[in-house]
Protein backbone atom coordinates (compact mmCIF):
# COMPACT_ATOMS: atom_id res chain seq x y z
CA UNK A 1 7.78 -15.46 6.73
CA UNK A 2 11.37 -15.94 7.76
CA UNK A 3 12.38 -18.69 10.16
CA UNK A 4 13.55 -16.06 12.65
CA UNK A 5 10.17 -14.30 12.67
CA UNK A 6 8.34 -17.61 13.14
CA UNK A 7 10.55 -18.83 15.96
CA UNK A 8 11.01 -15.55 17.86
CA UNK A 9 7.73 -15.87 19.84
CA UNK A 10 8.73 -19.44 20.72
CA UNK A 11 12.11 -18.27 22.04
CA UNK A 12 10.45 -15.58 24.17
CA UNK A 13 8.03 -18.16 25.57
CA UNK A 14 10.89 -20.55 26.33
CA UNK A 15 12.60 -17.77 28.29
CA UNK A 16 9.38 -17.18 30.23
CA UNK A 17 8.94 -20.87 31.04
CA UNK A 18 12.55 -21.12 32.19
CA UNK A 19 12.15 -18.06 34.43
CA UNK A 20 8.97 -19.48 36.00
CA UNK A 21 10.61 -22.88 36.47
CA UNK A 22 13.67 -21.28 38.05
CA UNK A 23 11.43 -19.37 40.46
CA UNK A 24 9.52 -22.58 41.28
CA UNK A 25 12.74 -24.51 41.92
CA UNK A 26 14.02 -21.80 44.27
CA UNK A 27 10.79 -21.85 46.29
CA UNK A 28 10.20 -25.61 45.88
CA UNK A 29 6.67 -24.99 44.56
CA UNK A 30 5.27 -27.58 42.20
CA UNK A 31 1.59 -27.01 41.57
CA UNK A 32 -1.12 -28.20 39.23
CA UNK A 33 -1.01 -24.74 37.64
CA UNK A 34 2.64 -25.29 36.82
CA UNK A 35 1.93 -28.64 35.25
CA UNK A 36 -0.91 -27.17 33.17
CA UNK A 37 1.37 -24.36 32.03
CA UNK A 38 3.89 -27.00 30.96
CA UNK A 39 1.28 -28.76 28.85
CA UNK A 40 0.28 -25.47 27.23
CA UNK A 41 3.95 -24.84 26.44
CA UNK A 42 4.29 -28.26 24.80
CA UNK A 43 1.22 -27.59 22.64
CA UNK A 44 2.60 -24.20 21.59
CA UNK A 45 6.07 -25.58 20.79
CA UNK A 46 4.61 -28.49 18.85
CA UNK A 47 2.37 -26.22 16.80
CA UNK A 48 5.23 -23.85 16.00
CA UNK A 49 7.46 -26.69 14.83
CA UNK A 50 4.67 -28.23 12.73
CA UNK A 51 3.73 -24.88 11.18
CA UNK A 52 7.36 -24.20 10.31
CA UNK A 53 7.93 -27.69 8.90
CA UNK A 54 4.75 -27.66 6.79
CA UNK A 55 5.32 -24.03 5.70
CA UNK A 56 1.93 -22.99 7.10
CA UNK A 57 3.39 -20.28 9.32
CA UNK A 58 2.19 -17.01 7.83
CA UNK A 59 1.70 -13.51 9.20
CA UNK A 60 -1.53 -14.54 10.96
CA UNK A 61 0.31 -17.36 12.71
CA UNK A 62 3.11 -15.05 13.88
CA UNK A 63 0.68 -12.39 15.13
CA UNK A 64 -1.36 -15.00 17.03
CA UNK A 65 1.85 -16.49 18.44
CA UNK A 66 2.84 -13.06 19.78
CA UNK A 67 -0.62 -12.54 21.26
CA UNK A 68 -0.35 -15.95 22.96
CA UNK A 69 3.12 -15.19 24.35
CA UNK A 70 2.12 -11.73 25.60
CA UNK A 71 -0.92 -13.18 27.38
CA UNK A 72 1.30 -15.86 28.97
CA UNK A 73 3.78 -13.17 30.08
CA UNK A 74 1.01 -11.15 31.72
CA UNK A 75 -0.39 -14.29 33.34
CA UNK A 76 3.00 -15.39 34.69
CA UNK A 77 4.08 -11.98 35.97
CA UNK A 78 2.75 -12.51 39.55
CA UNK A 79 4.56 -15.86 39.80
CA UNK A 80 7.88 -14.12 39.24
CA UNK A 81 7.35 -11.77 42.17
CA UNK A 82 7.98 -12.34 45.85
CA UNK A 83 5.30 -13.97 47.99
CA UNK A 84 4.07 -10.71 49.54
CA UNK A 85 3.93 -8.94 46.17
CA UNK A 86 2.07 -11.91 44.72
CA UNK A 87 -0.61 -11.54 47.38
CA UNK A 88 -1.29 -7.96 46.32
CA UNK A 89 -1.60 -8.74 42.60
CA UNK A 90 -4.35 -11.08 41.47
CA UNK A 91 -5.01 -11.36 37.75
CA UNK A 92 -7.28 -14.37 38.08
CA UNK A 93 -7.60 -16.89 35.32
CA UNK A 94 -8.77 -14.51 32.60
CA UNK A 95 -5.36 -14.21 30.93
CA UNK A 96 -4.85 -17.98 31.13
CA UNK A 97 -8.21 -18.57 29.46
CA UNK A 98 -7.50 -15.94 26.83
CA UNK A 99 -4.14 -17.53 26.00
CA UNK A 100 -5.76 -20.96 25.76
CA UNK A 101 -8.41 -19.54 23.42
CA UNK A 102 -5.69 -18.05 21.19
CA UNK A 103 -3.80 -21.37 21.20
CA UNK A 104 -7.00 -23.26 20.30
CA UNK A 105 -7.62 -20.80 17.46
CA UNK A 106 -4.06 -21.30 16.22
CA UNK A 107 -4.48 -25.09 16.26
CA UNK A 108 -7.85 -24.79 14.51
CA UNK A 109 -6.46 -22.58 11.75
CA UNK A 110 -3.48 -24.89 11.33
CA UNK A 111 -5.68 -28.00 11.09
CA UNK A 112 -7.97 -26.20 8.64
CA UNK A 113 -5.01 -25.21 6.46
CA UNK A 114 -3.57 -28.74 6.50
CA UNK A 115 -6.85 -30.56 5.88
CA UNK A 116 -7.94 -28.25 3.05
CA UNK A 117 -4.41 -27.91 1.70
CA UNK A 118 -4.44 -24.11 1.64
């Protein structure tokens, strides 16, 4: 895998986080959900850097990274809308849970690959 292919999902996720943060700053909203999303972002960024550094980023990693980022985009979409539009759209926590499951799977596969040296 090329460095560009490995880091592209990370760059897209960074753009998403910046857009959500910009929206939160404009409306002065700081919530527990925002803090949790920040922690998820840190875990994703850390894993991407570690996978790149250890050369464990393969096609499975990149596909899972894209799945994670797409789920985060879908989950964050209502936050980027106006207050009245947000009230009409309610995705619930299903996309958040799905993205966390994908991230946990990514961490598990990475740990497995490191510990078994495969």
